[in-house]
Amino acid sequence: MARLTVEDCLDHVDNRFELVLVAAKRARQLSMGAEPLVEIENDKPTVLALREIAENKINKSVLNEEVIPQDDIEAMIEGELLQSSMSMHDDNVGI
């Protein structure tokens, strides 16, 4: 994408205030490990967030989403797998 302008983004949000909120929240998600919806092109999270808005890949619904760091997600998955594995082991011990 060539030079990104505020006007490119304002076509997809209600006003500048909402643009700042949506871009900040999405940039935070990206910096915490969320998968970008546009090609990275060596951009920082804030620019990626604005590009996603300009390309209508993200909107104000992002404001209602909880931000969970990627490390926490991986830890939760590992914990669930470990618990499941231990449960299966306990079930097999009595056999």
N, C-alpha and C. Protein backbone atom coordinates (compact mmCIF):
# COMPACT_ATOMS: atom_id res chain seq x y z
N MET A 1 0.85 -1.17 0.00
CA MET A 1 0.00 0.00 0.00
C MET A 1 0.89 1.24 0.00
N ALA A 2 0.51 2.23 -0.74
CA ALA A 2 1.25 3.49 -0.77
C ALA A 2 1.09 4.19 0.58
N ARG A 3 1.23 5.45 0.61
CA ARG A 3 1.14 6.22 1.85
C ARG A 3 -0.26 6.09 2.45
N LEU A 4 -0.31 5.80 3.75
CA LEU A 4 -1.57 5.63 4.47
C LEU A 4 -2.01 6.97 5.05
N THR A 5 -3.27 7.35 4.86
CA THR A 5 -3.77 8.61 5.42
C THR A 5 -4.93 8.34 6.37
N VAL A 6 -5.20 9.31 7.21
CA VAL A 6 -6.33 9.22 8.14
C VAL A 6 -7.62 9.07 7.35
N GLU A 7 -7.72 9.75 6.23
CA GLU A 7 -8.93 9.69 5.41
C GLU A 7 -9.19 8.27 4.91
N ASP A 8 -8.12 7.52 4.61
CA ASP A 8 -8.28 6.13 4.19
C ASP A 8 -8.98 5.32 5.28
N CYS A 9 -8.67 5.63 6.52
CA CYS A 9 -9.24 4.89 7.65
C CYS A 9 -10.62 5.39 8.03
N LEU A 10 -10.85 6.69 7.88
CA LEU A 10 -12.14 7.27 8.30
C LEU A 10 -13.31 6.76 7.47
N ASP A 11 -13.04 6.19 6.32
CA ASP A 11 -14.11 5.60 5.52
C ASP A 11 -14.71 4.37 6.21
N HIS A 12 -14.00 3.82 7.21
CA HIS A 12 -14.42 2.57 7.82
C HIS A 12 -14.75 2.67 9.31
N VAL A 13 -14.63 3.87 9.88
CA VAL A 13 -15.02 4.11 11.28
C VAL A 13 -15.85 5.38 11.32
N ASP A 14 -16.51 5.60 12.47
CA ASP A 14 -17.44 6.74 12.56
C ASP A 14 -16.75 8.10 12.64
N ASN A 15 -15.63 8.17 13.37
CA ASN A 15 -14.96 9.46 13.56
C ASN A 15 -13.50 9.24 13.99
N ARG A 16 -12.77 10.32 14.14
CA ARG A 16 -11.35 10.24 14.48
C ARG A 16 -11.13 9.63 15.86
N PHE A 17 -12.00 9.96 16.80
CA PHE A 17 -11.88 9.41 18.15
C PHE A 17 -11.98 7.88 18.11
N GLU A 18 -12.97 7.40 17.40
CA GLU A 18 -13.14 5.94 17.27
C GLU A 18 -11.94 5.33 16.54
N LEU A 19 -11.41 6.02 15.56
CA LEU A 19 -10.24 5.53 14.84
C LEU A 19 -9.07 5.32 15.80
N VAL A 20 -8.84 6.28 16.68
CA VAL A 20 -7.75 6.16 17.65
C VAL A 20 -7.98 4.98 18.57
N LEU A 21 -9.20 4.82 19.07
CA LEU A 21 -9.50 3.71 19.98
C LEU A 21 -9.32 2.35 19.30
N VAL A 22 -9.86 2.22 18.10
CA VAL A 22 -9.78 0.95 17.38
C VAL A 22 -8.33 0.64 17.02
N ALA A 23 -7.61 1.63 16.52
CA ALA A 23 -6.21 1.40 16.12
C ALA A 23 -5.35 1.05 17.33
N ALA A 24 -5.56 1.73 18.45
CA ALA A 24 -4.77 1.45 19.66
C ALA A 24 -5.04 0.05 20.18
N LYS A 25 -6.31 -0.32 20.23
CA LYS A 25 -6.66 -1.66 20.73
C LYS A 25 -6.09 -2.74 19.81
N ARG A 26 -6.22 -2.55 18.51
CA ARG A 26 -5.71 -3.56 17.57
C ARG A 26 -4.18 -3.61 17.60
N ALA A 27 -3.53 -2.47 17.71
CA ALA A 27 -2.07 -2.45 17.80
C ALA A 27 -1.60 -3.19 19.04
N ARG A 28 -2.32 -3.04 20.14
CA ARG A 28 -2.00 -3.77 21.37
C ARG A 28 -2.15 -5.28 21.14
N GLN A 29 -3.22 -5.67 20.48
CA GLN A 29 -3.42 -7.10 20.18
C GLN A 29 -2.28 -7.63 19.32
N LEU A 30 -1.90 -6.87 18.31
CA LEU A 30 -0.82 -7.30 17.41
C LEU A 30 0.51 -7.41 18.16
N SER A 31 0.78 -6.45 19.03
CA SER A 31 2.05 -6.49 19.77
C SER A 31 2.08 -7.62 20.78
N MET A 32 0.90 -8.14 21.16
CA MET A 32 0.83 -9.25 22.11
C MET A 32 0.73 -10.60 21.40
N GLY A 33 0.87 -10.59 20.07
CA GLY A 33 0.95 -11.84 19.35
C GLY A 33 -0.21 -12.19 18.44
N ALA A 34 -1.21 -11.31 18.32
CA ALA A 34 -2.33 -11.59 17.42
C ALA A 34 -1.82 -11.66 15.98
N GLU A 35 -2.48 -12.46 15.19
CA GLU A 35 -2.09 -12.66 13.79
C GLU A 35 -2.54 -11.46 12.95
N PRO A 36 -1.62 -10.81 12.21
CA PRO A 36 -2.01 -9.68 11.35
C PRO A 36 -2.93 -10.14 10.22
N LEU A 37 -3.86 -9.29 9.84
CA LEU A 37 -4.81 -9.59 8.77
C LEU A 37 -4.35 -9.02 7.43
N VAL A 38 -3.21 -8.34 7.43
CA VAL A 38 -2.61 -7.80 6.21
C VAL A 38 -1.15 -8.24 6.17
N GLU A 39 -0.53 -8.12 5.01
CA GLU A 39 0.88 -8.47 4.88
C GLU A 39 1.72 -7.54 5.75
N ILE A 40 2.69 -8.09 6.45
CA ILE A 40 3.45 -7.32 7.45
C ILE A 40 4.28 -6.20 6.82
N GLU A 41 5.03 -6.46 5.79
CA GLU A 41 5.84 -5.44 5.10
C GLU A 41 6.73 -4.64 6.04
N ASN A 42 7.27 -5.26 7.08
CA ASN A 42 8.20 -4.61 8.01
C ASN A 42 7.56 -3.42 8.75
N ASP A 43 6.24 -3.45 8.97
CA ASP A 43 5.54 -2.38 9.66
C ASP A 43 5.44 -2.66 11.15
N LYS A 44 5.37 -1.60 11.94
CA LYS A 44 5.15 -1.72 13.38
C LYS A 44 3.67 -1.98 13.62
N PRO A 45 3.31 -2.45 14.83
CA PRO A 45 1.91 -2.78 15.13
C PRO A 45 0.92 -1.64 14.88
N THR A 46 1.32 -0.40 15.17
CA THR A 46 0.39 0.71 14.95
C THR A 46 0.07 0.90 13.47
N VAL A 47 1.08 0.78 12.63
CA VAL A 47 0.87 0.92 11.18
C VAL A 47 0.07 -0.26 10.65
N LEU A 48 0.38 -1.46 11.15
CA LEU A 48 -0.41 -2.64 10.75
C LEU A 48 -1.88 -2.44 11.09
N ALA A 49 -2.14 -1.95 12.30
CA ALA A 49 -3.53 -1.73 12.74
C ALA A 49 -4.23 -0.74 11.81
N LEU A 50 -3.57 0.35 11.49
CA LEU A 50 -4.17 1.34 10.60
C LEU A 50 -4.39 0.77 9.19
N ARG A 51 -3.45 -0.03 8.72
CA ARG A 51 -3.63 -0.67 7.41
C ARG A 51 -4.82 -1.63 7.42
N GLU A 52 -4.98 -2.37 8.52
CA GLU A 52 -6.12 -3.28 8.63
C GLU A 52 -7.43 -2.50 8.60
N ILE A 53 -7.46 -1.35 9.26
CA ILE A 53 -8.67 -0.52 9.26
C ILE A 53 -8.91 0.03 7.85
N ALA A 54 -7.88 0.55 7.22
CA ALA A 54 -8.02 1.13 5.87
C ALA A 54 -8.48 0.09 4.86
N GLU A 55 -8.06 -1.16 5.05
CA GLU A 55 -8.45 -2.24 4.14
C GLU A 55 -9.73 -2.94 4.59
N ASN A 56 -10.39 -2.34 5.58
CA ASN A 56 -11.68 -2.83 6.10
C ASN A 56 -11.59 -4.28 6.61
N LYS A 57 -10.45 -4.62 7.18
CA LYS A 57 -10.26 -5.96 7.75
C LYS A 57 -10.64 -5.98 9.23
N ILE A 58 -10.73 -4.81 9.83
CA ILE A 58 -11.02 -4.70 11.26
C ILE A 58 -11.94 -3.49 11.46
N ASN A 59 -12.80 -3.54 12.47
CA ASN A 59 -13.70 -2.42 12.73
C ASN A 59 -13.87 -2.24 14.24
N LYS A 60 -14.86 -1.46 14.65
CA LYS A 60 -15.00 -1.14 16.07
C LYS A 60 -15.38 -2.34 16.93
N SER A 61 -15.73 -3.44 16.34
CA SER A 61 -16.04 -4.64 17.15
C SER A 61 -14.81 -5.10 17.92
N VAL A 62 -13.62 -4.70 17.47
CA VAL A 62 -12.39 -5.05 18.17
C VAL A 62 -12.37 -4.46 19.58
N LEU A 63 -13.12 -3.39 19.80
CA LEU A 63 -13.14 -2.75 21.12
C LEU A 63 -13.76 -3.65 22.18
N ASN A 64 -14.60 -4.59 21.78
CA ASN A 64 -15.26 -5.49 22.72
C ASN A 64 -14.48 -6.76 22.98
N GLU A 65 -13.38 -6.95 22.27
CA GLU A 65 -12.59 -8.17 22.41
C GLU A 65 -11.59 -8.02 23.54
N GLU A 66 -11.40 -9.11 24.28
CA GLU A 66 -10.42 -9.12 25.35
C GLU A 66 -9.04 -9.38 24.76
N VAL A 67 -8.05 -8.69 25.28
CA VAL A 67 -6.68 -8.88 24.83
C VAL A 67 -6.02 -9.91 25.74
N ILE A 68 -5.65 -11.05 25.16
CA ILE A 68 -4.96 -12.10 25.92
C ILE A 68 -3.59 -12.28 25.28
N PRO A 69 -2.51 -12.07 26.06
CA PRO A 69 -1.17 -12.24 25.50
C PRO A 69 -0.97 -13.65 24.95
N GLN A 70 -0.23 -13.75 23.85
CA GLN A 70 0.03 -15.04 23.20
C GLN A 70 0.65 -16.03 24.17
N ASP A 71 1.56 -15.56 25.04
CA ASP A 71 2.19 -16.44 26.02
C ASP A 71 1.16 -17.04 26.96
N ASP A 72 0.16 -16.24 27.36
CA ASP A 72 -0.89 -16.74 28.25
C ASP A 72 -1.75 -17.79 27.54
N ILE A 73 -2.03 -17.57 26.27
CA ILE A 73 -2.82 -18.54 25.51
C ILE A 73 -2.06 -19.86 25.43
N GLU A 74 -0.77 -19.78 25.11
CA GLU A 74 0.04 -21.00 25.03
C GLU A 74 0.11 -21.70 26.37
N ALA A 75 0.24 -20.94 27.46
CA ALA A 75 0.30 -21.53 28.80
C ALA A 75 -1.03 -22.21 29.15
N MET A 76 -2.15 -21.59 28.76
CA MET A 76 -3.46 -22.20 29.04
C MET A 76 -3.61 -23.50 28.27
N ILE A 77 -3.18 -23.51 27.02
CA ILE A 77 -3.28 -24.73 26.20
C ILE A 77 -2.40 -25.82 26.79
N GLU A 78 -1.16 -25.47 27.17
CA GLU A 78 -0.26 -26.46 27.77
C GLU A 78 -0.85 -27.00 29.07
N GLY A 79 -1.45 -26.12 29.88
CA GLY A 79 -2.07 -26.54 31.13
C GLY A 79 -3.22 -27.50 30.90
N GLU A 80 -4.05 -27.19 29.91
CA GLU A 80 -5.17 -28.08 29.59
C GLU A 80 -4.69 -29.42 29.07
N LEU A 81 -3.64 -29.41 28.24
CA LEU A 81 -3.09 -30.66 27.72
C LEU A 81 -2.48 -31.49 28.84
N LEU A 82 -1.77 -30.84 29.76
CA LEU A 82 -1.17 -31.54 30.88
C LEU A 82 -2.24 -32.14 31.77
N GLN A 83 -3.28 -31.36 32.06
CA GLN A 83 -4.37 -31.85 32.90
C GLN A 83 -5.07 -33.03 32.23
N SER A 84 -5.30 -32.93 30.94
CA SER A 84 -5.94 -34.02 30.20
C SER A 84 -5.07 -35.27 30.22
N SER A 85 -3.78 -35.08 30.04
CA SER A 85 -2.84 -36.20 30.05
C SER A 85 -2.80 -36.87 31.41
N MET A 86 -2.80 -36.07 32.48
CA MET A 86 -2.78 -36.62 33.83
C MET A 86 -4.07 -37.37 34.13
N SER A 87 -5.17 -36.84 33.65
CA SER A 87 -6.47 -37.49 33.86
C SER A 87 -6.49 -38.84 33.16
N MET A 88 -5.97 -38.90 31.95
CA MET A 88 -5.92 -40.17 31.21
C MET A 88 -5.01 -41.16 31.93
N HIS A 89 -3.90 -40.66 32.47
CA HIS A 89 -2.96 -41.52 33.20
C HIS A 89 -3.63 -42.09 34.45
N ASP A 90 -4.35 -41.24 35.19
CA ASP A 90 -5.05 -41.69 36.40
C ASP A 90 -6.10 -42.74 36.07
N ASP A 91 -6.78 -42.58 34.94
CA ASP A 91 -7.80 -43.55 34.52
C ASP A 91 -7.17 -44.90 34.20
N ASN A 92 -5.97 -44.89 33.65
CA ASN A 92 -5.30 -46.13 33.25
C ASN A 92 -4.59 -46.82 34.40
N VAL A 93 -4.30 -46.11 35.50
CA VAL A 93 -3.59 -46.69 36.63
C VAL A 93 -4.43 -47.77 37.29
N GLY A 94 -5.72 -47.60 37.36
CA GLY A 94 -6.59 -48.56 38.02
C GLY A 94 -6.85 -49.81 37.22
N ILE A 95 -6.35 -49.88 36.01
CA ILE A 95 -6.62 -51.04 35.14
C ILE A 95 -5.78 -52.22 35.55
